[in-house]
């Protein structure tokens, strides 16, 4: 049986010699083979079981198709390290020679099967799958290590075969997809996924299981939302670039701002009526484009952004309101007072502690200009800001040469409003 993955063989003698390994694997084909006795002819491929002849491990690379053989697996394996086997990673430690065989970028199910066979070989048991004979690996075997696949027509879309497990860049555009192909979600090495120009209406939460995904392009689909589950997935740590242009999205959840590694965000040609009011939390954001939407104003935390490029052309920005909207209530309700205390003191909360609807209230709490929080007791005021204060390059917001946009601000008390009234004039 064979396994396609990346391999690094680390000698445990290196640290004693003051040397270090490269820390980088190479593409390889691992074969579990029969070790025929020197005095007898080798058996035919698949003809005998591991219990009749000792099993050995054969590692071949594109530069060395004849490969390296590690003999006598029986009782020669010191330890298996399988903590990250679901991510396609494992390490096999041999006694002789004293090396660690580090495997990565493997298909997790194939890796588990291969490790199971190696355990049987280590114990000297029969292996159900046929073992191979020691023969050089063909060049065609390494084609399975394809890292990039671009499909731009429906007729080229693979229906009867899986995507190569080693893909890091997958583009399937103009394929008429109405949903995300679940086979894509098993490609654990994906760094760039391009599903643009399809008819996708909803994203599965399992996209968040692609732990290395850095770029996601969903331009020109039929999306109406971006789920909270995706915002709270591992995409928080990996996603750098997101293109949601030309969809039907009206609003993004406040949890969207938990995608704090984002540097590029495209929201053009949607139906957005507001941006998440915690936009200021996207501290790594450098390129933001939300042209041709229905934004009447920007959230107050928009002022905290530090952008290189900003495009808000073609929105329906309103003129600032002269009079503020006052929703103050004194004394504060118990809910308002408790919520402010929890948020100000950063007390952990969750649906396992308090009711889910209260968690939602806390997640959507408004931030006063003083830094405190408020739920339903506040003063709302509107002012304008020059977008050059948050971006180096600004696309004009209208055909009149303007670069100013209205910003809505919240105040937790009358004192905060009075202290900031100069800003609202």
Protein backbone atom coordinates (compact mmCIF):
# COMPACT_ATOMS: atom_id res chain seq x y z
CA UNK A 1 0.00 0.00 0.00
CA UNK A 2 1.07 3.58 -0.66
CA UNK A 3 0.75 7.00 0.93
CA UNK A 4 1.30 10.34 -0.80
CA UNK A 5 2.48 13.11 1.51
CA UNK A 6 5.41 15.32 2.44
CA UNK A 7 8.21 13.66 4.39
CA UNK A 8 11.11 14.87 6.45
CA UNK A 9 13.54 12.33 7.91
CA UNK A 10 15.21 13.72 11.03
CA UNK A 11 18.22 12.01 12.54
CA UNK A 12 18.19 12.02 16.32
CA UNK A 13 22.00 12.21 16.26
CA UNK A 14 21.88 15.78 14.89
CA UNK A 15 21.25 17.59 18.21
CA UNK A 16 24.22 15.78 19.77
CA UNK A 17 26.42 17.05 16.92
CA UNK A 18 25.18 20.60 17.31
CA UNK A 19 23.30 20.45 13.99
CA UNK A 20 19.71 21.19 13.15
CA UNK A 21 17.43 19.72 10.51
CA UNK A 22 15.99 21.84 7.68
CA UNK A 23 12.47 21.84 9.11
CA UNK A 24 10.93 21.37 5.68
CA UNK A 25 9.49 18.24 4.10
CA UNK A 26 9.66 17.10 0.48
CA UNK A 27 6.98 15.44 -1.60
CA UNK A 28 7.27 11.71 -1.39
CA UNK A 29 5.53 8.40 -1.94
CA UNK A 30 5.65 5.99 1.00
CA UNK A 31 5.27 2.30 0.19
CA UNK A 32 4.81 -0.54 2.64
CA UNK A 33 6.75 -3.32 0.93
CA UNK A 34 7.81 -6.91 1.32
CA UNK A 35 11.42 -7.56 2.16
CA UNK A 36 12.26 -10.71 0.24
CA UNK A 37 15.08 -12.99 1.47
CA UNK A 38 18.35 -12.51 -0.38
CA UNK A 39 18.53 -16.20 -1.33
CA UNK A 40 15.06 -16.34 -2.88
CA UNK A 41 13.49 -14.49 -5.78
CA UNK A 42 11.26 -11.61 -4.84
CA UNK A 43 7.54 -12.38 -4.80
CA UNK A 44 5.24 -10.80 -7.33
CA UNK A 45 3.50 -7.54 -6.44
CA UNK A 46 0.58 -8.14 -4.13
CA UNK A 47 1.21 -11.85 -4.15
CA UNK A 48 2.04 -12.43 -0.47
CA UNK A 49 1.15 -11.03 2.93
CA UNK A 50 3.34 -9.21 5.42
CA UNK A 51 3.22 -12.21 7.72
CA UNK A 52 5.26 -14.36 5.25
CA UNK A 53 8.09 -11.92 4.62
CA UNK A 54 9.19 -9.02 6.83
CA UNK A 55 7.70 -5.66 5.91
CA UNK A 56 9.84 -2.62 5.21
CA UNK A 57 9.18 1.06 4.54
CA UNK A 58 10.18 2.49 1.17
CA UNK A 59 10.33 6.32 0.75
CA UNK A 60 10.64 7.67 -2.81
CA UNK A 61 10.95 11.26 -4.01
CA UNK A 62 10.86 12.82 -7.44
CA UNK A 63 14.67 13.19 -7.37
CA UNK A 64 15.22 9.71 -6.00
CA UNK A 65 12.62 7.34 -7.45
CA UNK A 66 14.61 4.31 -6.26
CA UNK A 67 14.11 5.67 -2.77
CA UNK A 68 15.35 4.83 0.70
CA UNK A 69 14.45 1.59 2.42
CA UNK A 70 13.91 1.15 6.16
CA UNK A 71 14.04 -2.56 6.88
CA UNK A 72 12.66 -4.87 9.54
CA UNK A 73 9.66 -2.86 10.69
CA UNK A 74 8.85 -5.71 13.03
CA UNK A 75 9.70 -4.49 16.53
CA UNK A 76 11.77 -1.66 15.03
CA UNK A 77 9.21 1.12 15.57
CA UNK A 78 9.82 2.85 18.86
CA UNK A 79 6.79 5.15 18.88
CA UNK A 80 3.94 6.66 16.81
CA UNK A 81 3.08 10.34 17.27
CA UNK A 82 -0.48 10.84 16.00
CA UNK A 83 -1.83 13.87 17.89
CA UNK A 84 -2.37 15.80 14.63
CA UNK A 85 -3.37 12.89 12.40
CA UNK A 86 -6.69 14.60 11.55
CA UNK A 87 -4.63 17.43 10.04
CA UNK A 88 -2.66 14.95 7.91
CA UNK A 89 0.40 14.93 10.19
CA UNK A 90 2.16 12.12 12.06
CA UNK A 91 5.65 11.00 13.06
CA UNK A 92 7.08 7.48 13.17
CA UNK A 93 10.15 6.99 15.37
CA UNK A 94 12.48 4.12 14.42
CA UNK A 95 15.02 2.45 16.68
CA UNK A 96 17.47 1.56 13.92
CA UNK A 97 18.48 3.79 12.30
CA UNK A 98 17.59 6.34 15.03
CA UNK A 99 15.43 8.65 12.91
CA UNK A 100 12.05 10.34 13.12
CA UNK A 101 10.03 10.08 9.90
CA UNK A 102 7.82 13.18 9.92
CA UNK A 103 4.76 13.02 7.66
CA UNK A 104 2.62 16.02 6.68
CA UNK A 105 0.09 17.16 4.10
CA UNK A 106 -1.40 13.69 3.87
CA UNK A 107 -5.02 12.76 3.37
CA UNK A 108 -6.13 12.08 6.94
CA UNK A 109 -8.09 8.89 6.17
CA UNK A 110 -5.28 7.49 4.01
CA UNK A 111 -2.77 8.36 6.72
CA UNK A 112 -4.78 6.54 9.37
CA UNK A 113 -4.98 3.43 7.19
CA UNK A 114 -1.25 3.52 6.46
CA UNK A 115 -0.37 3.92 10.14
CA UNK A 116 -2.66 1.02 11.04
CA UNK A 117 -0.82 -1.18 8.55
CA UNK A 118 2.54 -0.08 9.99
CA UNK A 119 1.36 -1.01 13.49
CA UNK A 120 0.47 -4.49 12.26
CA UNK A 121 3.87 -4.78 10.57
CA UNK A 122 5.55 -3.68 13.78
CA UNK A 123 3.79 -6.47 15.69
CA UNK A 124 4.58 -9.00 12.96
CA UNK A 125 0.90 -9.53 12.14
CA UNK A 126 -0.63 -10.20 8.74
CA UNK A 127 -1.67 -7.06 6.88
CA UNK A 128 -5.02 -7.20 5.14
CA UNK A 129 -3.98 -4.93 2.28
CA UNK A 130 -1.51 -6.45 -0.21
CA UNK A 131 2.10 -5.33 0.18
CA UNK A 132 4.14 -4.18 -2.78
CA UNK A 133 7.49 -5.34 -4.07
CA UNK A 134 10.49 -3.02 -4.04
CA UNK A 135 10.33 -1.25 -7.40
CA UNK A 136 11.14 2.35 -8.41
CA UNK A 137 8.19 4.72 -8.23
CA UNK A 138 6.94 6.08 -11.55
CA UNK A 139 7.00 9.80 -12.27
CA UNK A 140 3.21 9.72 -12.75
CA UNK A 141 2.83 8.96 -9.03
CA UNK A 142 4.04 12.46 -8.20
CA UNK A 143 1.32 14.10 -10.29
CA UNK A 144 -0.97 13.48 -7.33
CA UNK A 145 0.98 16.20 -5.52
CA UNK A 146 -0.69 18.88 -7.60
CA UNK A 147 -0.98 22.08 -5.54
CA UNK A 148 -3.00 24.26 -7.94
CA UNK A 149 -6.12 23.51 -9.98
CA UNK A 150 -8.05 26.04 -12.07
CA UNK A 151 -11.45 25.09 -13.52
CA UNK A 152 -13.31 27.75 -15.50
CA UNK A 153 -16.08 25.81 -17.24
CA UNK A 154 -18.79 23.37 -16.25
CA UNK A 155 -17.59 20.69 -18.67
CA UNK A 156 -14.17 20.53 -16.98
CA UNK A 157 -15.58 20.11 -13.48
CA UNK A 158 -14.59 16.72 -11.98
CA UNK A 159 -17.70 14.69 -11.17
CA UNK A 160 -16.34 11.15 -10.96
CA UNK A 161 -13.00 11.70 -9.23
CA UNK A 162 -11.82 13.54 -6.15
CA UNK A 163 -9.72 16.67 -6.07
CA UNK A 164 -6.02 16.00 -5.39
CA UNK A 165 -5.68 16.05 -1.61
CA UNK A 166 -2.50 18.18 -1.81
CA UNK A 167 -4.22 21.20 -3.43
CA UNK A 168 -3.33 24.56 -1.93
CA UNK A 169 -5.06 26.71 -4.57
CA UNK A 170 -8.43 25.71 -6.05
CA UNK A 171 -10.45 27.82 -8.46
CA UNK A 172 -13.82 26.65 -9.77
CA UNK A 173 -15.39 29.61 -11.59
CA UNK A 174 -18.24 29.68 -14.12
CA UNK A 175 -19.17 26.10 -13.17
CA UNK A 176 -22.81 26.74 -12.27
CA UNK A 177 -22.37 25.58 -8.67
CA UNK A 178 -25.44 26.17 -6.49
CA UNK A 179 -23.68 24.95 -3.34
CA UNK A 180 -20.14 24.38 -2.11
CA UNK A 181 -18.90 20.92 -3.12
CA UNK A 182 -18.31 19.06 0.15
CA UNK A 183 -15.28 17.33 -1.41
CA UNK A 184 -13.51 20.69 -1.28
CA UNK A 185 -13.87 20.77 2.48
CA UNK A 186 -11.59 17.74 2.86
CA UNK A 187 -8.70 19.63 1.23
CA UNK A 188 -7.00 20.51 4.50
CA UNK A 189 -4.01 22.16 2.78
CA UNK A 190 -6.08 24.77 0.92
CA UNK A 191 -4.76 28.28 1.22
CA UNK A 192 -6.75 29.88 -1.59
CA UNK A 193 -10.31 28.97 -2.58
CA UNK A 194 -11.93 30.77 -5.52
CA UNK A 195 -15.65 30.03 -6.04
CA UNK A 196 -16.42 33.20 -7.98
CA UNK A 197 -19.02 33.47 -10.77
CA UNK A 198 -21.31 30.67 -9.61
CA UNK A 199 -24.83 30.51 -8.12
CA UNK A 200 -24.01 29.67 -4.49
CA UNK A 201 -26.71 30.79 -2.07
CA UNK A 202 -25.36 29.60 1.26
CA UNK A 203 -21.98 28.75 2.77
CA UNK A 204 -21.54 25.65 4.93
CA UNK A 205 -20.08 26.30 8.37
CA UNK A 206 -17.51 23.57 7.67
CA UNK A 207 -15.55 25.98 5.46
CA UNK A 208 -14.24 27.11 8.82
CA UNK A 209 -12.51 23.72 9.16
CA UNK A 210 -10.02 24.70 6.43
CA UNK A 211 -7.44 25.75 8.98
CA UNK A 212 -4.91 27.11 6.46
CA UNK A 213 -7.35 29.08 4.29
CA UNK A 214 -5.99 32.58 3.67
CA UNK A 215 -7.95 33.76 0.60
CA UNK A 216 -11.65 33.18 -0.08
CA UNK A 217 -13.21 34.57 -3.26
CA UNK A 218 -17.03 34.42 -3.48
CA UNK A 219 -17.45 37.21 -6.01
CA UNK A 220 -20.59 37.08 -8.20
CA UNK A 221 -22.76 34.53 -6.39
CA UNK A 222 -26.21 34.62 -4.77
CA UNK A 223 -25.21 34.88 -1.11
CA UNK A 224 -27.59 36.68 1.23
CA UNK A 225 -25.55 36.38 4.43
CA UNK A 226 -22.23 35.49 6.00
CA UNK A 227 -22.89 33.26 9.00
CA UNK A 228 -21.84 33.82 12.60
CA UNK A 229 -20.43 30.27 12.66
CA UNK A 230 -17.89 31.20 9.98
CA UNK A 231 -16.94 34.35 11.86
CA UNK A 232 -16.21 32.28 14.97
CA UNK A 233 -14.35 29.47 13.20
CA UNK A 234 -10.61 28.96 12.66
CA UNK A 235 -10.90 31.57 9.88
CA UNK A 236 -10.30 34.08 12.69
CA UNK A 237 -6.63 33.06 12.67
CA UNK A 238 -6.05 32.32 8.98
CA UNK A 239 -8.24 34.40 6.64
CA UNK A 240 -6.41 37.36 5.09
CA UNK A 241 -8.45 38.18 1.98
CA UNK A 242 -12.24 37.94 1.50
CA UNK A 243 -14.18 38.91 -1.63
CA UNK A 244 -17.97 39.03 -1.22
CA UNK A 245 -18.61 41.40 -4.12
CA UNK A 246 -21.68 41.06 -6.36
CA UNK A 247 -23.93 39.17 -3.96
CA UNK A 248 -27.19 40.00 -2.18
CA UNK A 249 -25.90 40.63 1.33
CA UNK A 250 -27.83 43.24 3.33
CA UNK A 251 -25.88 43.13 6.57
CA UNK A 252 -22.89 41.41 8.15
CA UNK A 253 -23.09 40.10 11.73
CA UNK A 254 -21.27 42.00 14.44
CA UNK A 255 -19.15 38.83 14.94
CA UNK A 256 -17.72 39.46 11.46
CA UNK A 257 -15.23 41.78 13.15
CA UNK A 258 -13.67 38.76 14.89
CA UNK A 259 -11.92 37.98 11.58
CA UNK A 260 -9.09 40.16 12.81
CA UNK A 261 -6.42 38.86 10.41
CA UNK A 262 -8.25 40.33 7.39
CA UNK A 263 -6.14 42.69 5.30
CA UNK A 264 -8.31 42.81 2.13
CA UNK A 265 -12.11 43.03 2.15
CA UNK A 266 -14.31 43.53 -0.91
CA UNK A 267 -18.05 44.14 -0.44
CA UNK A 268 -18.91 45.97 -3.69
CA UNK A 269 -22.29 45.63 -5.40
CA UNK A 270 -24.27 44.15 -2.53
CA UNK A 271 -27.36 45.49 -0.72
CA UNK A 272 -25.60 46.53 2.49
CA UNK A 273 -27.61 48.93 4.61
CA UNK A 274 -24.96 49.07 7.35
CA UNK A 275 -21.45 47.96 8.22
CA UNK A 276 -20.74 46.11 11.49
CA UNK A 277 -20.45 48.82 14.15
CA UNK A 278 -17.31 47.15 15.54
CA UNK A 279 -15.39 47.67 12.27
CA UNK A 280 -12.62 49.31 14.25
CA UNK A 281 -11.63 45.88 15.59
CA UNK A 282 -10.27 44.94 12.14
CA UNK A 283 -6.92 46.47 12.98
CA UNK A 284 -5.03 44.64 10.19
CA UNK A 285 -7.40 45.77 7.44
CA UNK A 286 -5.62 47.74 4.71
CA UNK A 287 -7.88 47.53 1.63
CA UNK A 288 -11.63 48.05 1.96
CA UNK A 289 -14.06 48.37 -0.91
CA UNK A 290 -17.82 48.66 -0.36
CA UNK A 291 -18.90 50.63 -3.41
CA UNK A 292 -22.43 50.64 -4.83
CA UNK A 293 -24.30 49.56 -1.72
CA UNK A 294 -27.05 51.26 0.30
CA UNK A 295 -25.06 52.60 3.24
CA UNK A 296 -26.69 55.69 4.84
CA UNK A 297 -23.82 56.22 7.30
CA UNK A 298 -20.69 54.66 8.77
CA UNK A 299 -20.31 53.26 12.31
CA UNK A 300 -18.44 55.36 14.84
CA UNK A 301 -15.59 52.82 15.24
CA UNK A 302 -14.82 53.27 11.55
CA UNK A 303 -12.55 56.07 12.76
CA UNK A 304 -10.22 53.50 14.32
CA UNK A 305 -9.26 51.96 10.96
CA UNK A 306 -5.91 52.59 9.31
CA UNK A 307 -6.33 51.85 5.59
CA UNK A 308 -4.20 52.18 2.52
CA UNK A 309 -7.16 52.10 0.11
CA UNK A 310 -10.86 52.88 0.62
CA UNK A 311 -13.71 52.86 -1.90
CA UNK A 312 -17.24 53.81 -0.80
CA UNK A 313 -18.45 55.27 -4.09
CA UNK A 314 -22.13 55.02 -5.00
CA UNK A 315 -23.71 54.69 -1.55
CA UNK A 316 -26.77 56.64 -0.38
CA UNK A 317 -25.05 58.57 2.39
CA UNK A 318 -27.47 60.82 4.27
CA UNK A 319 -26.88 64.32 5.58
CA UNK A 320 -26.05 64.43 9.32
CA UNK A 321 -29.07 64.93 11.56
CA UNK A 322 -29.18 68.27 13.33
CA UNK A 323 -30.84 66.93 16.47
CA UNK A 324 -29.65 63.82 18.29
CA UNK A 325 -31.81 60.79 19.01
CA UNK A 326 -32.21 60.56 22.80
CA UNK A 327 -33.01 57.21 24.41
CA UNK A 328 -31.77 57.89 27.92
CA UNK A 329 -33.51 56.44 30.93
CA UNK A 330 -32.72 57.27 34.55
CA UNK A 331 -32.25 55.40 36.67
CA UNK A 332 -30.79 52.66 34.48
CA UNK A 333 -32.72 49.43 34.22
CA UNK A 334 -31.24 46.39 35.96
CA UNK A 335 -30.51 44.82 32.54
CA UNK A 336 -28.72 47.94 31.28
CA UNK A 337 -26.69 48.38 34.46
CA UNK A 338 -25.71 44.70 34.60
CA UNK A 339 -24.76 44.63 30.93
CA UNK A 340 -22.55 47.70 31.25
CA UNK A 341 -20.80 46.16 34.26
CA UNK A 342 -20.16 42.84 32.49
CA UNK A 343 -18.75 44.53 29.40
CA UNK A 344 -16.73 47.21 31.17
CA UNK A 345 -15.05 44.65 33.46
CA UNK A 346 -14.67 42.14 30.61
CA UNK A 347 -16.43 39.41 32.57
CA UNK A 348 -16.60 36.21 30.44
CA UNK A 349 -20.09 35.16 29.36
CA UNK A 350 -21.67 32.58 27.09
CA UNK A 351 -24.89 30.72 26.38
CA UNK A 352 -23.82 28.07 28.91
CA UNK A 353 -23.91 30.75 31.63
CA UNK A 354 -26.73 33.14 30.66
CA UNK A 355 -29.66 32.88 28.19
CA UNK A 356 -28.72 33.07 24.51
CA UNK A 357 -30.74 36.26 23.87
CA UNK A 358 -28.76 38.04 26.59
CA UNK A 359 -25.53 36.96 24.90
CA UNK A 360 -26.82 38.52 21.70
CA UNK A 361 -27.59 41.77 23.54
CA UNK A 362 -24.07 41.87 24.95
CA UNK A 363 -22.51 41.04 21.56
CA UNK A 364 -24.37 43.92 19.93
CA UNK A 365 -23.79 46.50 22.66
CA UNK A 366 -22.95 49.99 21.40
CA UNK A 367 -19.66 51.65 22.27
CA UNK A 368 -19.74 55.17 23.62
CA UNK A 369 -17.10 57.68 22.50
CA UNK A 370 -15.71 57.43 26.05
CA UNK A 371 -15.07 53.71 25.62
CA UNK A 372 -17.90 52.50 27.83
CA UNK A 373 -20.85 50.47 26.57
CA UNK A 374 -24.61 50.85 26.33
CA UNK A 375 -27.50 48.63 25.21
CA UNK A 376 -30.79 50.50 24.88
CA UNK A 377 -30.01 53.61 26.94
CA UNK A 378 -28.00 56.09 24.86
CA UNK A 379 -27.88 59.29 22.82
CA UNK A 380 -27.26 58.89 19.09
CA UNK A 381 -25.65 61.68 17.13
CA UNK A 382 -24.38 62.05 13.57
CA UNK A 383 -21.42 63.96 12.20
CA UNK A 384 -19.23 63.86 9.10
CA UNK A 385 -15.66 62.72 8.72
CA UNK A 386 -13.11 63.16 5.98
CA UNK A 387 -12.23 59.67 4.84
CA UNK A 388 -8.61 60.70 4.29
CA UNK A 389 -8.30 60.58 8.08
CA UNK A 390 -8.52 56.77 7.94
CA UNK A 391 -7.17 55.95 4.45
CA UNK A 392 -4.20 57.04 2.36
CA UNK A 393 -6.04 56.59 -0.95
CA UNK A 394 -9.76 57.38 -1.09
CA UNK A 395 -12.09 56.92 -4.05
CA UNK A 396 -14.58 59.81 -4.24
CA UNK A 397 -17.86 58.97 -2.52
CA UNK A 398 -19.92 60.86 -5.14
CA UNK A 399 -19.66 62.61 -8.48
CA UNK A 400 -19.15 65.99 -6.78
CA UNK A 401 -15.59 65.30 -5.66
CA UNK A 402 -16.48 64.59 -2.06
CA UNK A 403 -14.43 62.53 0.33
CA UNK A 404 -16.62 63.04 3.41
CA UNK A 405 -19.17 60.58 4.81
CA UNK A 406 -21.62 60.67 7.74
CA UNK A 407 -20.69 58.78 10.90
CA UNK A 408 -23.12 57.78 13.65
CA UNK A 409 -21.87 58.00 17.24
CA UNK A 410 -23.31 56.81 20.54
CA UNK A 411 -23.11 58.37 24.01
CA UNK A 412 -23.80 56.46 27.22
CA UNK A 413 -24.81 59.59 29.15
CA UNK A 414 -25.69 63.25 28.81
CA UNK A 415 -22.25 64.17 30.18
CA UNK A 416 -20.51 62.28 27.35
CA UNK A 417 -22.75 63.98 24.79
CA UNK A 418 -22.06 67.46 26.20
CA UNK A 419 -18.33 66.84 26.27
CA UNK A 420 -18.42 65.80 22.62
CA UNK A 421 -20.86 68.39 21.33
CA UNK A 422 -18.09 70.36 19.66
CA UNK A 423 -17.41 67.31 17.51
CA UNK A 424 -21.06 67.13 16.45
CA UNK A 425 -21.37 70.74 15.35
